[in-house]
Amino acid sequence: MSKLSLSSLHDSREIKLRNIIALEQCHYPKHNHVYSYALFLDYLIDTDKDVDLLLEKDGEQARDSHRRSWFLL
């Protein structure tokens, strides 16, 4: 299994995501949708500016660090 940088996620969310990826890779090796999505987000979102662009709504930026942590992989 490739390593994902999940340091910005809270520990419980990181564990859950890693467990879902492990389950997917063990039981559904030909269907790696969760892993592919997590990897896509890891490539797409690298900085706080990237998070701001994704969270923009009605011209306002979300400043909630709890919400922001979901996007920073």
PDB file of N, CA and C in Angstrom:
ATOM      1  N   MET A   1       0.848  -1.181   0.000  1.00  0.00           N
ATOM      2  CA  MET A   1       0.000   0.000   0.000  1.00  0.00           C
ATOM      3  C   MET A   1       0.888   1.237   0.000  1.00  0.00           C
ATOM      4  N   SER A   2       0.605   2.156  -0.857  1.00  0.00           N
ATOM      5  CA  SER A   2       1.360   3.402  -0.922  1.00  0.00           C
ATOM      6  C   SER A   2       1.069   4.250   0.299  1.00  0.00           C
ATOM      7  N   LYS A   3       2.055   5.058   0.683  1.00  0.00           N
ATOM      8  CA  LYS A   3       1.869   5.927   1.846  1.00  0.00           C
ATOM      9  C   LYS A   3       1.183   7.213   1.427  1.00  0.00           C
ATOM     10  N   LEU A   4       0.174   7.595   2.174  1.00  0.00           N
ATOM     11  CA  LEU A   4      -0.491   8.879   1.985  1.00  0.00           C
ATOM     12  C   LEU A   4      -0.110   9.786   3.139  1.00  0.00           C
ATOM     13  N   SER A   5       0.123  11.033   2.859  1.00  0.00           N
ATOM     14  CA  SER A   5       0.404  11.993   3.912  1.00  0.00           C
ATOM     15  C   SER A   5      -0.920  12.476   4.499  1.00  0.00           C
ATOM     16  N   LEU A   6      -1.284  11.944   5.663  1.00  0.00           N
ATOM     17  CA  LEU A   6      -2.561  12.292   6.276  1.00  0.00           C
ATOM     18  C   LEU A   6      -2.357  13.044   7.585  1.00  0.00           C
ATOM     19  N   SER A   7      -1.206  13.715   7.710  1.00  0.00           N
ATOM     20  CA  SER A   7      -0.861  14.339   8.980  1.00  0.00           C
ATOM     21  C   SER A   7      -1.822  15.441   9.406  1.00  0.00           C
ATOM     22  N   SER A   8      -2.501  16.073   8.464  1.00  0.00           N
ATOM     23  CA  SER A   8      -3.409  17.157   8.831  1.00  0.00           C
ATOM     24  C   SER A   8      -4.776  16.681   9.302  1.00  0.00           C
ATOM     25  N   LEU A   9      -5.059  15.415   9.083  1.00  0.00           N
ATOM     26  CA  LEU A   9      -6.337  14.884   9.558  1.00  0.00           C
ATOM     27  C   LEU A   9      -6.238  14.565  11.040  1.00  0.00           C
ATOM     28  N   HIS A  10      -7.347  14.648  11.714  1.00  0.00           N
ATOM     29  CA  HIS A  10      -7.363  14.242  13.111  1.00  0.00           C
ATOM     30  C   HIS A  10      -7.099  12.750  13.164  1.00  0.00           C
ATOM     31  N   ASP A  11      -6.506  12.272  14.272  1.00  0.00           N
ATOM     32  CA  ASP A  11      -6.099  10.877  14.381  1.00  0.00           C
ATOM     33  C   ASP A  11      -7.223   9.899  14.080  1.00  0.00           C
ATOM     34  N   SER A  12      -8.406  10.123  14.612  1.00  0.00           N
ATOM     35  CA  SER A  12      -9.493   9.167  14.397  1.00  0.00           C
ATOM     36  C   SER A  12      -9.916   9.125  12.930  1.00  0.00           C
ATOM     37  N   ARG A  13      -9.917  10.256  12.269  1.00  0.00           N
ATOM     38  CA  ARG A  13     -10.280  10.274  10.847  1.00  0.00           C
ATOM     39  C   ARG A  13      -9.198   9.622  10.002  1.00  0.00           C
ATOM     40  N   GLU A  14      -7.949   9.847  10.381  1.00  0.00           N
ATOM     41  CA  GLU A  14      -6.849   9.217   9.651  1.00  0.00           C
ATOM     42  C   GLU A  14      -6.946   7.701   9.767  1.00  0.00           C
ATOM     43  N   ILE A  15      -7.192   7.210  10.968  1.00  0.00           N
ATOM     44  CA  ILE A  15      -7.304   5.768  11.189  1.00  0.00           C
ATOM     45  C   ILE A  15      -8.462   5.193  10.387  1.00  0.00           C
ATOM     46  N   LYS A  16      -9.602   5.869  10.421  1.00  0.00           N
ATOM     47  CA  LYS A  16     -10.769   5.386   9.667  1.00  0.00           C
ATOM     48  C   LYS A  16     -10.484   5.351   8.173  1.00  0.00           C
ATOM     49  N   LEU A  17      -9.886   6.406   7.647  1.00  0.00           N
ATOM     50  CA  LEU A  17      -9.589   6.447   6.221  1.00  0.00           C
ATOM     51  C   LEU A  17      -8.602   5.351   5.839  1.00  0.00           C
ATOM     52  N   ARG A  18      -7.567   5.174   6.636  1.00  0.00           N
ATOM     53  CA  ARG A  18      -6.584   4.123   6.341  1.00  0.00           C
ATOM     54  C   ARG A  18      -7.215   2.736   6.415  1.00  0.00           C
ATOM     55  N   ASN A  19      -8.116   2.530   7.376  1.00  0.00           N
ATOM     56  CA  ASN A  19      -8.799   1.238   7.486  1.00  0.00           C
ATOM     57  C   ASN A  19      -9.703   0.979   6.289  1.00  0.00           C
ATOM     58  N   ILE A  20     -10.400   2.004   5.835  1.00  0.00           N
ATOM     59  CA  ILE A  20     -11.259   1.840   4.656  1.00  0.00           C
ATOM     60  C   ILE A  20     -10.415   1.518   3.426  1.00  0.00           C
ATOM     61  N   ILE A  21      -9.286   2.185   3.288  1.00  0.00           N
ATOM     62  CA  ILE A  21      -8.391   1.916   2.158  1.00  0.00           C
ATOM     63  C   ILE A  21      -7.842   0.496   2.249  1.00  0.00           C
ATOM     64  N   ALA A  22      -7.445   0.064   3.447  1.00  0.00           N
ATOM     65  CA  ALA A  22      -6.935  -1.300   3.630  1.00  0.00           C
ATOM     66  C   ALA A  22      -8.009  -2.333   3.304  1.00  0.00           C
ATOM     67  N   LEU A  23      -9.231  -2.108   3.775  1.00  0.00           N
ATOM     68  CA  LEU A  23     -10.345  -3.009   3.470  1.00  0.00           C
ATOM     69  C   LEU A  23     -10.561  -3.096   1.963  1.00  0.00           C
ATOM     70  N   GLU A  24     -10.562  -1.956   1.334  1.00  0.00           N
ATOM     71  CA  GLU A  24     -10.767  -1.912  -0.112  1.00  0.00           C
ATOM     72  C   GLU A  24      -9.664  -2.680  -0.842  1.00  0.00           C
ATOM     73  N   GLN A  25      -8.410  -2.490  -0.434  1.00  0.00           N
ATOM     74  CA  GLN A  25      -7.305  -3.143  -1.122  1.00  0.00           C
ATOM     75  C   GLN A  25      -7.274  -4.647  -0.870  1.00  0.00           C
ATOM     76  N   CYS A  26      -7.734  -5.082   0.298  1.00  0.00           N
ATOM     77  CA  CYS A  26      -7.746  -6.515   0.616  1.00  0.00           C
ATOM     78  C   CYS A  26      -8.921  -7.239  -0.029  1.00  0.00           C
ATOM     79  N   HIS A  27     -10.092  -6.656   0.036  1.00  0.00           N
ATOM     80  CA  HIS A  27     -11.303  -7.346  -0.402  1.00  0.00           C
ATOM     81  C   HIS A  27     -11.755  -6.975  -1.814  1.00  0.00           C
ATOM     82  N   TYR A  28     -11.332  -5.836  -2.292  1.00  0.00           N
ATOM     83  CA  TYR A  28     -11.746  -5.375  -3.624  1.00  0.00           C
ATOM     84  C   TYR A  28     -10.526  -4.862  -4.393  1.00  0.00           C
ATOM     85  N   PRO A  29      -9.538  -5.730  -4.640  1.00  0.00           N
ATOM     86  CA  PRO A  29      -8.279  -5.253  -5.228  1.00  0.00           C
ATOM     87  C   PRO A  29      -8.425  -4.629  -6.619  1.00  0.00           C
ATOM     88  N   LYS A  30      -9.471  -4.988  -7.338  1.00  0.00           N
ATOM     89  CA  LYS A  30      -9.662  -4.425  -8.680  1.00  0.00           C
ATOM     90  C   LYS A  30     -10.478  -3.135  -8.661  1.00  0.00           C
ATOM     91  N   HIS A  31     -11.013  -2.782  -7.512  1.00  0.00           N
ATOM     92  CA  HIS A  31     -11.866  -1.592  -7.391  1.00  0.00           C
ATOM     93  C   HIS A  31     -11.323  -0.692  -6.283  1.00  0.00           C
ATOM     94  N   ASN A  32     -10.363   0.138  -6.607  1.00  0.00           N
ATOM     95  CA  ASN A  32      -9.714   0.988  -5.604  1.00  0.00           C
ATOM     96  C   ASN A  32     -10.239   2.422  -5.653  1.00  0.00           C
ATOM     97  N   HIS A  33     -11.538   2.577  -5.533  1.00  0.00           N
ATOM     98  CA  HIS A  33     -12.159   3.899  -5.656  1.00  0.00           C
ATOM     99  C   HIS A  33     -11.800   4.830  -4.493  1.00  0.00           C
ATOM    100  N   VAL A  34     -11.834   4.331  -3.268  1.00  0.00           N
ATOM    101  CA  VAL A  34     -11.530   5.175  -2.099  1.00  0.00           C
ATOM    102  C   VAL A  34     -10.074   5.614  -2.142  1.00  0.00           C
ATOM    103  N   TYR A  35      -9.172   4.669  -2.412  1.00  0.00           N
ATOM    104  CA  TYR A  35      -7.752   5.003  -2.482  1.00  0.00           C
ATOM    105  C   TYR A  35      -7.491   6.008  -3.610  1.00  0.00           C
ATOM    106  N   SER A  36      -8.095   5.783  -4.754  1.00  0.00           N
ATOM    107  CA  SER A  36      -7.905   6.695  -5.887  1.00  0.00           C
ATOM    108  C   SER A  36      -8.406   8.096  -5.554  1.00  0.00           C
ATOM    109  N   TYR A  37      -9.545   8.176  -4.878  1.00  0.00           N
ATOM    110  CA  TYR A  37     -10.101   9.471  -4.492  1.00  0.00           C
ATOM    111  C   TYR A  37      -9.183  10.176  -3.487  1.00  0.00           C
ATOM    112  N   ALA A  38      -8.697   9.438  -2.490  1.00  0.00           N
ATOM    113  CA  ALA A  38      -7.795  10.025  -1.496  1.00  0.00           C
ATOM    114  C   ALA A  38      -6.503  10.493  -2.159  1.00  0.00           C
ATOM    115  N   LEU A  39      -5.987   9.705  -3.078  1.00  0.00           N
ATOM    116  CA  LEU A  39      -4.767  10.078  -3.788  1.00  0.00           C
ATOM    117  C   LEU A  39      -5.001  11.305  -4.669  1.00  0.00           C
ATOM    118  N   PHE A  40      -6.154  11.355  -5.326  1.00  0.00           N
ATOM    119  CA  PHE A  40      -6.520  12.514  -6.139  1.00  0.00           C
ATOM    120  C   PHE A  40      -6.549  13.784  -5.285  1.00  0.00           C
ATOM    121  N   LEU A  41      -7.203  13.700  -4.118  1.00  0.00           N
ATOM    122  CA  LEU A  41      -7.260  14.863  -3.230  1.00  0.00           C
ATOM    123  C   LEU A  41      -5.872  15.254  -2.742  1.00  0.00           C
ATOM    124  N   ASP A  42      -5.013  14.251  -2.498  1.00  0.00           N
ATOM    125  CA  ASP A  42      -3.654  14.531  -2.047  1.00  0.00           C
ATOM    126  C   ASP A  42      -2.883  15.308  -3.112  1.00  0.00           C
ATOM    127  N   TYR A  43      -3.069  14.962  -4.373  1.00  0.00           N
ATOM    128  CA  TYR A  43      -2.411  15.691  -5.466  1.00  0.00           C
ATOM    129  C   TYR A  43      -3.042  17.065  -5.688  1.00  0.00           C
ATOM    130  N   LEU A  44      -4.336  17.152  -5.512  1.00  0.00           N
ATOM    131  CA  LEU A  44      -5.078  18.376  -5.799  1.00  0.00           C
ATOM    132  C   LEU A  44      -4.889  19.451  -4.736  1.00  0.00           C
ATOM    133  N   ILE A  45      -4.835  19.051  -3.476  1.00  0.00           N
ATOM    134  CA  ILE A  45      -4.841  19.998  -2.358  1.00  0.00           C
ATOM    135  C   ILE A  45      -3.541  19.884  -1.580  1.00  0.00           C
ATOM    136  N   ASP A  46      -2.699  20.905  -1.683  1.00  0.00           N
ATOM    137  CA  ASP A  46      -1.415  20.891  -0.987  1.00  0.00           C
ATOM    138  C   ASP A  46      -1.235  22.053  -0.017  1.00  0.00           C
ATOM    139  N   THR A  47      -1.944  23.146  -0.227  1.00  0.00           N
ATOM    140  CA  THR A  47      -1.717  24.337   0.589  1.00  0.00           C
ATOM    141  C   THR A  47      -3.035  24.874   1.139  1.00  0.00           C
ATOM    142  N   ASP A  48      -2.920  25.806   2.074  1.00  0.00           N
ATOM    143  CA  ASP A  48      -4.108  26.480   2.603  1.00  0.00           C
ATOM    144  C   ASP A  48      -4.850  27.227   1.493  1.00  0.00           C
ATOM    145  N   LYS A  49      -4.106  27.752   0.536  1.00  0.00           N
ATOM    146  CA  LYS A  49      -4.740  28.464  -0.578  1.00  0.00           C
ATOM    147  C   LYS A  49      -5.624  27.513  -1.391  1.00  0.00           C
ATOM    148  N   ASP A  50      -5.162  26.286  -1.586  1.00  0.00           N
ATOM    149  CA  ASP A  50      -5.972  25.285  -2.289  1.00  0.00           C
ATOM    150  C   ASP A  50      -7.270  25.013  -1.534  1.00  0.00           C
ATOM    151  N   VAL A  51      -7.178  24.925  -0.209  1.00  0.00           N
ATOM    152  CA  VAL A  51      -8.365  24.694   0.620  1.00  0.00           C
ATOM    153  C   VAL A  51      -9.319  25.870   0.500  1.00  0.00           C
ATOM    154  N   ASP A  52      -8.775  27.084   0.547  1.00  0.00           N
ATOM    155  CA  ASP A  52      -9.613  28.283   0.421  1.00  0.00           C
ATOM    156  C   ASP A  52     -10.403  28.274  -0.887  1.00  0.00           C
ATOM    157  N   LEU A  53      -9.749  27.875  -1.970  1.00  0.00           N
ATOM    158  CA  LEU A  53     -10.433  27.830  -3.263  1.00  0.00           C
ATOM    159  C   LEU A  53     -11.581  26.826  -3.246  1.00  0.00           C
ATOM    160  N   LEU A  54     -11.388  25.699  -2.589  1.00  0.00           N
ATOM    161  CA  LEU A  54     -12.434  24.681  -2.531  1.00  0.00           C
ATOM    162  C   LEU A  54     -13.576  25.063  -1.603  1.00  0.00           C
ATOM    163  N   LEU A  55     -13.282  25.841  -0.573  1.00  0.00           N
ATOM    164  CA  LEU A  55     -14.300  26.170   0.417  1.00  0.00           C
ATOM    165  C   LEU A  55     -15.021  27.485   0.147  1.00  0.00           C
ATOM    166  N   GLU A  56     -14.611  28.192  -0.888  1.00  0.00           N
ATOM    167  CA  GLU A  56     -15.274  29.463  -1.194  1.00  0.00           C
ATOM    168  C   GLU A  56     -16.750  29.226  -1.501  1.00  0.00           C
ATOM    169  N   LYS A  57     -17.570  30.033  -0.872  1.00  0.00           N
ATOM    170  CA  LYS A  57     -19.009  29.938  -1.124  1.00  0.00           C
ATOM    171  C   LYS A  57     -19.591  31.334  -0.969  1.00  0.00           C
ATOM    172  N   ASP A  58     -20.275  31.772  -1.964  1.00  0.00           N
ATOM    173  CA  ASP A  58     -20.896  33.099  -1.954  1.00  0.00           C
ATOM    174  C   ASP A  58     -19.888  34.201  -1.650  1.00  0.00           C
ATOM    175  N   GLY A  59     -18.651  34.030  -2.141  1.00  0.00           N
ATOM    176  CA  GLY A  59     -17.642  35.055  -1.961  1.00  0.00           C
ATOM    177  C   GLY A  59     -16.975  35.058  -0.597  1.00  0.00           C
ATOM    178  N   GLU A  60     -17.382  34.175   0.307  1.00  0.00           N
ATOM    179  CA  GLU A  60     -16.769  34.118   1.635  1.00  0.00           C
ATOM    180  C   GLU A  60     -15.967  32.833   1.771  1.00  0.00           C
ATOM    181  N   GLN A  61     -14.855  32.917   2.494  1.00  0.00           N
ATOM    182  CA  GLN A  61     -14.023  31.744   2.716  1.00  0.00           C
ATOM    183  C   GLN A  61     -14.369  31.123   4.056  1.00  0.00           C
ATOM    184  N   ALA A  62     -14.376  29.810   4.089  1.00  0.00           N
ATOM    185  CA  ALA A  62     -14.598  29.108   5.356  1.00  0.00           C
ATOM    186  C   ALA A  62     -13.322  29.191   6.176  1.00  0.00           C
ATOM    187  N   ARG A  63     -13.446  29.644   7.397  1.00  0.00           N
ATOM    188  CA  ARG A  63     -12.268  29.785   8.248  1.00  0.00           C
ATOM    189  C   ARG A  63     -12.238  28.731   9.355  1.00  0.00           C
ATOM    190  N   ASP A  64     -13.177  27.862   9.377  1.00  0.00           N
ATOM    191  CA  ASP A  64     -13.267  26.836  10.400  1.00  0.00           C
ATOM    192  C   ASP A  64     -12.138  25.818  10.200  1.00  0.00           C
ATOM    193  N   SER A  65     -11.193  25.752  11.127  1.00  0.00           N
ATOM    194  CA  SER A  65     -10.047  24.853  10.988  1.00  0.00           C
ATOM    195  C   SER A  65     -10.470  23.393  10.982  1.00  0.00           C
ATOM    196  N   HIS A  66     -11.581  23.069  11.656  1.00  0.00           N
ATOM    197  CA  HIS A  66     -12.079  21.696  11.662  1.00  0.00           C
ATOM    198  C   HIS A  66     -12.493  21.284  10.249  1.00  0.00           C
ATOM    199  N   ARG A  67     -13.203  22.146   9.531  1.00  0.00           N
ATOM    200  CA  ARG A  67     -13.594  21.851   8.146  1.00  0.00           C
ATOM    201  C   ARG A  67     -12.384  21.820   7.236  1.00  0.00           C
ATOM    202  N   ARG A  68     -11.461  22.740   7.457  1.00  0.00           N
ATOM    203  CA  ARG A  68     -10.281  22.832   6.608  1.00  0.00           C
ATOM    204  C   ARG A  68      -9.424  21.582   6.706  1.00  0.00           C
ATOM    205  N   SER A  69      -9.353  20.974   7.900  1.00  0.00           N
ATOM    206  CA  SER A  69      -8.487  19.813   8.092  1.00  0.00           C
ATOM    207  C   SER A  69      -8.923  18.622   7.247  1.00  0.00           C
ATOM    208  N   TRP A  70     -10.198  18.581   6.876  1.00  0.00           N
ATOM    209  CA  TRP A  70     -10.675  17.482   6.026  1.00  0.00           C
ATOM    210  C   TRP A  70     -10.030  17.533   4.656  1.00  0.00           C
ATOM    211  N   PHE A  71      -9.660  18.721   4.187  1.00  0.00           N
ATOM    212  CA  PHE A  71      -9.145  18.866   2.840  1.00  0.00           C
ATOM    213  C   PHE A  71      -7.635  18.732   2.752  1.00  0.00           C
ATOM    214  N   LEU A  72      -6.930  18.991   3.828  1.00  0.00           N
ATOM    215  CA  LEU A  72      -5.473  18.922   3.786  1.00  0.00           C
ATOM    216  C   LEU A  72      -5.018  17.508   4.080  1.00  0.00           C
ATOM    217  N   LEU A  73      -4.608  16.794   3.079  1.00  0.00           N
ATOM    218  CA  LEU A  73      -4.141  15.414   3.222  1.00  0.00           C
ATOM    219  C   LEU A  73      -2.655  15.393   3.364  1.00  0.00           C
TER     220      LEU A  73
END
